[in-house]
Amino acid sequence: MNVSVVEGDLLDQDVEVIVNAWNRNIIPWWLLLPQGVSGAIKRRGGSQPFRELGRMGPIPLGQAVETSAGRLPFKAIIHVAGINLWWRSSERSIRDSVHNALALADRHGYRSIALPLIGAGSGGGDPTQVQAIIEEELKRCEFPGEVRIVRYRPAVREKRQYTSSS
């Protein structure tokens, strides 16, 4: 397995499949205010992946399911239940999410996957600790392809200089 850590936007990665940290489907997707990765997926990819996700029912903590990618350029989105009912991640939920996401990607024949820092956003985890847990768990997994850990960093927009003429 080839593992890399990059800074940027998960949705801009050149991979076959991305991972979305999800809320276990306990609360219907249409009642939630989209945040983080889920919000970005909904804004850029549309609601279709979340409609599919909603039909799957509750997802056990740490488990992974697959949906289409909507309007995004990926083959699929793997959603992991990385946070508990109190909207908090744990070492166990992060490890299980990583393990199950890679196992699902491998079963479906994907060879490149990008994942965010599962549980570091609305899950309340410290990004540095979450990254360390993910990297450690990846050493225990077998995946015959590329794994990209994406530390979110907004794109730097070019500043334009305007001059006014009097």
Foldseek 3Di string as FASTA:
>chain_A
DAEDEEEAQQLPDPFQEEEAEDAQLPDQPVVDDDDDPRNVLCVQQNCQQSVVVNVVHGDPQLAWDWDASRNGPHRIYIYHHQAYPVQAGDLVSLLSNLQNVQVVCVVVPTAEYEYELRCVPSNVDPSVVSVVSNVVSVVVHDHNHYYYYYYYDYDDDDDDDDDDDD
